[in-house]
Amino acid sequence: MEGKNRNNIHIGAEVRIVLKKDQRSGKLTEGIVEKILTSSPNHPHGIKVRLESGDVGRVKEIL
């Protein structure tokens, strides 16, 4: 599932995000959502979240 809609993502969900530094390469980082940072209901590049590891990025896939 894509991570463009905020209502698809919840705290504790397992997701793959793209970090700011990895946007060019498209490398994905997997983790558990700790906090949802985007307040709008949707975003064309993915909802921004913070993972439990502390990494911040935009959701590309919801596992």
C-alpha atoms as a PDB file:
ATOM      1  CA  MET A   1       0.000   0.000   0.000  1.00  0.00           C
ATOM      2  CA  GLU A   2       1.215   3.509  -0.763  1.00  0.00           C
ATOM      3  CA  GLY A   3       1.886   6.063   1.956  1.00  0.00           C
ATOM      4  CA  LYS A   4       0.280   9.123   0.363  1.00  0.00           C
ATOM      5  CA  ASN A   5      -2.877   9.142   2.523  1.00  0.00           C
ATOM      6  CA  ARG A   6      -2.571   9.924   6.234  1.00  0.00           C
ATOM      7  CA  ASN A   7      -5.555   7.726   7.215  1.00  0.00           C
ATOM      8  CA  ASN A   8      -3.681   4.607   5.936  1.00  0.00           C
ATOM      9  CA  ILE A   9      -0.829   5.158   8.418  1.00  0.00           C
ATOM     10  CA  HIS A  10      -1.026   4.647  12.166  1.00  0.00           C
ATOM     11  CA  ILE A  11       1.439   4.637  15.051  1.00  0.00           C
ATOM     12  CA  GLY A  12       2.974   1.186  15.389  1.00  0.00           C
ATOM     13  CA  ALA A  13       2.599   0.375  11.677  1.00  0.00           C
ATOM     14  CA  GLU A  14       5.529  -1.248   9.872  1.00  0.00           C
ATOM     15  CA  VAL A  15       6.534   0.933   6.913  1.00  0.00           C
ATOM     16  CA  ARG A  16       9.315   1.629   4.433  1.00  0.00           C
ATOM     17  CA  ILE A  17      10.374   5.270   4.168  1.00  0.00           C
ATOM     18  CA  VAL A  18      12.797   7.214   2.012  1.00  0.00           C
ATOM     19  CA  LEU A  19      15.162   9.428   4.016  1.00  0.00           C
ATOM     20  CA  LYS A  20      16.042  12.938   2.767  1.00  0.00           C
ATOM     21  CA  LYS A  21      19.638  11.846   2.047  1.00  0.00           C
ATOM     22  CA  ASP A  22      18.375   8.807   0.076  1.00  0.00           C
ATOM     23  CA  GLN A  23      15.851  10.623  -2.146  1.00  0.00           C
ATOM     24  CA  ARG A  24      18.134  10.532  -5.198  1.00  0.00           C
ATOM     25  CA  SER A  25      18.978   6.837  -4.889  1.00  0.00           C
ATOM     26  CA  GLY A  26      15.492   5.808  -3.720  1.00  0.00           C
ATOM     27  CA  LYS A  27      16.932   3.577  -0.956  1.00  0.00           C
ATOM     28  CA  LEU A  28      14.205   2.592   1.506  1.00  0.00           C
ATOM     29  CA  THR A  29      14.519   2.280   5.289  1.00  0.00           C
ATOM     30  CA  GLU A  30      12.197  -0.100   7.135  1.00  0.00           C
ATOM     31  CA  GLY A  31      10.829   0.526  10.605  1.00  0.00           C
ATOM     32  CA  ILE A  32       7.916   1.097  12.986  1.00  0.00           C
ATOM     33  CA  VAL A  33       6.055   4.453  13.004  1.00  0.00           C
ATOM     34  CA  GLU A  34       6.593   6.388  16.246  1.00  0.00           C
ATOM     35  CA  LYS A  35       4.987   9.702  15.187  1.00  0.00           C
ATOM     36  CA  ILE A  36       3.149  11.067  12.133  1.00  0.00           C
ATOM     37  CA  LEU A  37       4.637  14.466  11.244  1.00  0.00           C
ATOM     38  CA  THR A  38       2.460  15.501   8.262  1.00  0.00           C
ATOM     39  CA  SER A  39      -0.794  17.145   9.369  1.00  0.00           C
ATOM     40  CA  SER A  40      -2.537  17.290   5.969  1.00  0.00           C
ATOM     41  CA  PRO A  41      -4.775  14.331   4.976  1.00  0.00           C
ATOM     42  CA  ASN A  42      -2.567  13.474   1.966  1.00  0.00           C
ATOM     43  CA  HIS A  43       0.760  14.402   0.375  1.00  0.00           C
ATOM     44  CA  PRO A  44       1.935  13.657  -3.199  1.00  0.00           C
ATOM     45  CA  HIS A  45       5.423  12.501  -2.061  1.00  0.00           C
ATOM     46  CA  GLY A  46       4.260  10.500   0.968  1.00  0.00           C
ATOM     47  CA  ILE A  47       3.321  11.259   4.572  1.00  0.00           C
ATOM     48  CA  LYS A  48       6.321  12.280   6.703  1.00  0.00           C
ATOM     49  CA  VAL A  49       6.861  10.131   9.796  1.00  0.00           C
ATOM     50  CA  ARG A  50       9.430   9.488  12.533  1.00  0.00           C
ATOM     51  CA  LEU A  51      10.386   5.868  13.091  1.00  0.00           C
ATOM     52  CA  GLU A  52      11.173   4.329  16.496  1.00  0.00           C
ATOM     53  CA  SER A  53      14.838   4.367  15.385  1.00  0.00           C
ATOM     54  CA  GLY A  54      14.643   8.182  15.140  1.00  0.00           C
ATOM     55  CA  ASP A  55      14.844   8.257  11.328  1.00  0.00           C
ATOM     56  CA  VAL A  56      12.540  10.790   9.627  1.00  0.00           C
ATOM     57  CA  GLY A  57      11.300  10.370   6.085  1.00  0.00           C
ATOM     58  CA  ARG A  58       8.336  10.010   3.764  1.00  0.00           C
ATOM     59  CA  VAL A  59       6.346   6.757   3.666  1.00  0.00           C
ATOM     60  CA  LYS A  60       6.684   4.903   0.362  1.00  0.00           C
ATOM     61  CA  GLU A  61       5.213   1.531   1.391  1.00  0.00           C
ATOM     62  CA  ILE A  62       3.022   0.275   4.214  1.00  0.00           C
ATOM     63  CA  LEU A  63       3.848  -3.363   5.068  1.00  0.00           C
END
